[in-house]
């Protein structure tokens, strides 16, 4: 990584009631991404939020639970 380049390998993903998935944002740390996912979850909407690292999908994370 060179100067001025920021690595944002952590994604927050949202899945709506119809199964459509959307990237909410990219973050530098897992903790930062998890904080955002938790705050969105706490709003009480029916959407599902989880954290993934770029290159990793929910299917490859095993049981499909949040990372």
C-alpha atoms as a PDB file:
ATOM      1  CA  UNK A   1       0.000   0.000   0.000  1.00  0.00           C
ATOM      2  CA  UNK A   2       1.494   3.366  -0.971  1.00  0.00           C
ATOM      3  CA  UNK A   3       0.977   6.709   0.684  1.00  0.00           C
ATOM      4  CA  UNK A   4      -2.520   8.070   0.085  1.00  0.00           C
ATOM      5  CA  UNK A   5      -4.005   4.619  -0.511  1.00  0.00           C
ATOM      6  CA  UNK A   6      -6.502   3.426   2.058  1.00  0.00           C
ATOM      7  CA  UNK A   7      -7.430  -0.225   2.381  1.00  0.00           C
ATOM      8  CA  UNK A   8     -11.121  -0.829   3.123  1.00  0.00           C
ATOM      9  CA  UNK A   9     -11.428  -4.627   3.128  1.00  0.00           C
ATOM     10  CA  UNK A  10     -14.517  -4.911   5.386  1.00  0.00           C
ATOM     11  CA  UNK A  11     -18.029  -4.641   3.965  1.00  0.00           C
ATOM     12  CA  UNK A  12     -21.418  -4.216   5.589  1.00  0.00           C
ATOM     13  CA  UNK A  13     -24.023  -6.080   3.553  1.00  0.00           C
ATOM     14  CA  UNK A  14     -27.798  -5.686   3.786  1.00  0.00           C
ATOM     15  CA  UNK A  15     -30.315  -8.266   2.625  1.00  0.00           C
ATOM     16  CA  UNK A  16     -33.899  -7.128   2.156  1.00  0.00           C
ATOM     17  CA  UNK A  17     -37.152  -9.058   2.482  1.00  0.00           C
ATOM     18  CA  UNK A  18     -36.915 -10.219  -1.151  1.00  0.00           C
ATOM     19  CA  UNK A  19     -33.411 -11.654  -0.754  1.00  0.00           C
ATOM     20  CA  UNK A  20     -31.708  -8.790  -2.613  1.00  0.00           C
ATOM     21  CA  UNK A  21     -28.271  -7.951  -1.230  1.00  0.00           C
ATOM     22  CA  UNK A  22     -26.669  -4.521  -1.174  1.00  0.00           C
ATOM     23  CA  UNK A  23     -23.318  -3.204  -0.042  1.00  0.00           C
ATOM     24  CA  UNK A  24     -23.954  -0.562   2.633  1.00  0.00           C
ATOM     25  CA  UNK A  25     -20.336   0.538   2.987  1.00  0.00           C
ATOM     26  CA  UNK A  26     -16.659  -0.360   3.131  1.00  0.00           C
ATOM     27  CA  UNK A  27     -14.574   0.000   6.276  1.00  0.00           C
ATOM     28  CA  UNK A  28     -10.940  -0.255   7.352  1.00  0.00           C
ATOM     29  CA  UNK A  29     -11.524  -2.566  10.328  1.00  0.00           C
ATOM     30  CA  UNK A  30     -13.898  -5.348  11.174  1.00  0.00           C
ATOM     31  CA  UNK A  31     -14.778  -3.586  14.447  1.00  0.00           C
ATOM     32  CA  UNK A  32     -15.809  -0.429  12.587  1.00  0.00           C
ATOM     33  CA  UNK A  33     -17.935  -2.411  10.113  1.00  0.00           C
ATOM     34  CA  UNK A  34     -19.544  -4.431  12.912  1.00  0.00           C
ATOM     35  CA  UNK A  35     -20.418  -1.234  14.794  1.00  0.00           C
ATOM     36  CA  UNK A  36     -22.272   0.075  11.723  1.00  0.00           C
ATOM     37  CA  UNK A  37     -24.034  -3.253  11.129  1.00  0.00           C
ATOM     38  CA  UNK A  38     -25.114  -3.397  14.782  1.00  0.00           C
ATOM     39  CA  UNK A  39     -26.425   0.172  14.742  1.00  0.00           C
ATOM     40  CA  UNK A  40     -28.466  -0.563  11.611  1.00  0.00           C
ATOM     41  CA  UNK A  41     -29.777  -3.794  13.160  1.00  0.00           C
ATOM     42  CA  UNK A  42     -30.823  -1.896  16.284  1.00  0.00           C
ATOM     43  CA  UNK A  43     -33.219   0.239  14.241  1.00  0.00           C
ATOM     44  CA  UNK A  44     -35.600  -2.718  14.174  1.00  0.00           C
ATOM     45  CA  UNK A  45     -36.080  -3.020  10.417  1.00  0.00           C
ATOM     46  CA  UNK A  46     -36.644  -6.436   8.904  1.00  0.00           C
ATOM     47  CA  UNK A  47     -33.466  -6.282   6.835  1.00  0.00           C
ATOM     48  CA  UNK A  48     -30.528  -8.467   7.761  1.00  0.00           C
ATOM     49  CA  UNK A  49     -27.079  -6.880   8.112  1.00  0.00           C
ATOM     50  CA  UNK A  50     -23.727  -8.637   8.347  1.00  0.00           C
ATOM     51  CA  UNK A  51     -20.005  -8.033   7.910  1.00  0.00           C
ATOM     52  CA  UNK A  52     -17.839  -9.665   5.253  1.00  0.00           C
ATOM     53  CA  UNK A  53     -14.217  -9.294   4.278  1.00  0.00           C
ATOM     54  CA  UNK A  54     -13.681  -8.579   0.577  1.00  0.00           C
ATOM     55  CA  UNK A  55     -13.186 -11.876  -1.216  1.00  0.00           C
ATOM     56  CA  UNK A  56     -15.335 -13.748   1.308  1.00  0.00           C
ATOM     57  CA  UNK A  57     -19.020 -14.402   0.749  1.00  0.00           C
ATOM     58  CA  UNK A  58     -21.713 -15.425   3.196  1.00  0.00           C
ATOM     59  CA  UNK A  59     -21.827 -18.847   1.559  1.00  0.00           C
ATOM     60  CA  UNK A  60     -18.141 -19.392   2.303  1.00  0.00           C
ATOM     61  CA  UNK A  61     -18.427 -18.287   5.935  1.00  0.00           C
ATOM     62  CA  UNK A  62     -19.918 -21.586   7.020  1.00  0.00           C
ATOM     63  CA  UNK A  63     -23.208 -21.388   8.872  1.00  0.00           C
ATOM     64  CA  UNK A  64     -24.418 -18.124   7.316  1.00  0.00           C
ATOM     65  CA  UNK A  65     -24.289 -16.259  10.615  1.00  0.00           C
ATOM     66  CA  UNK A  66     -22.710 -12.868  10.955  1.00  0.00           C
ATOM     67  CA  UNK A  67     -18.931 -12.785  10.932  1.00  0.00           C
END
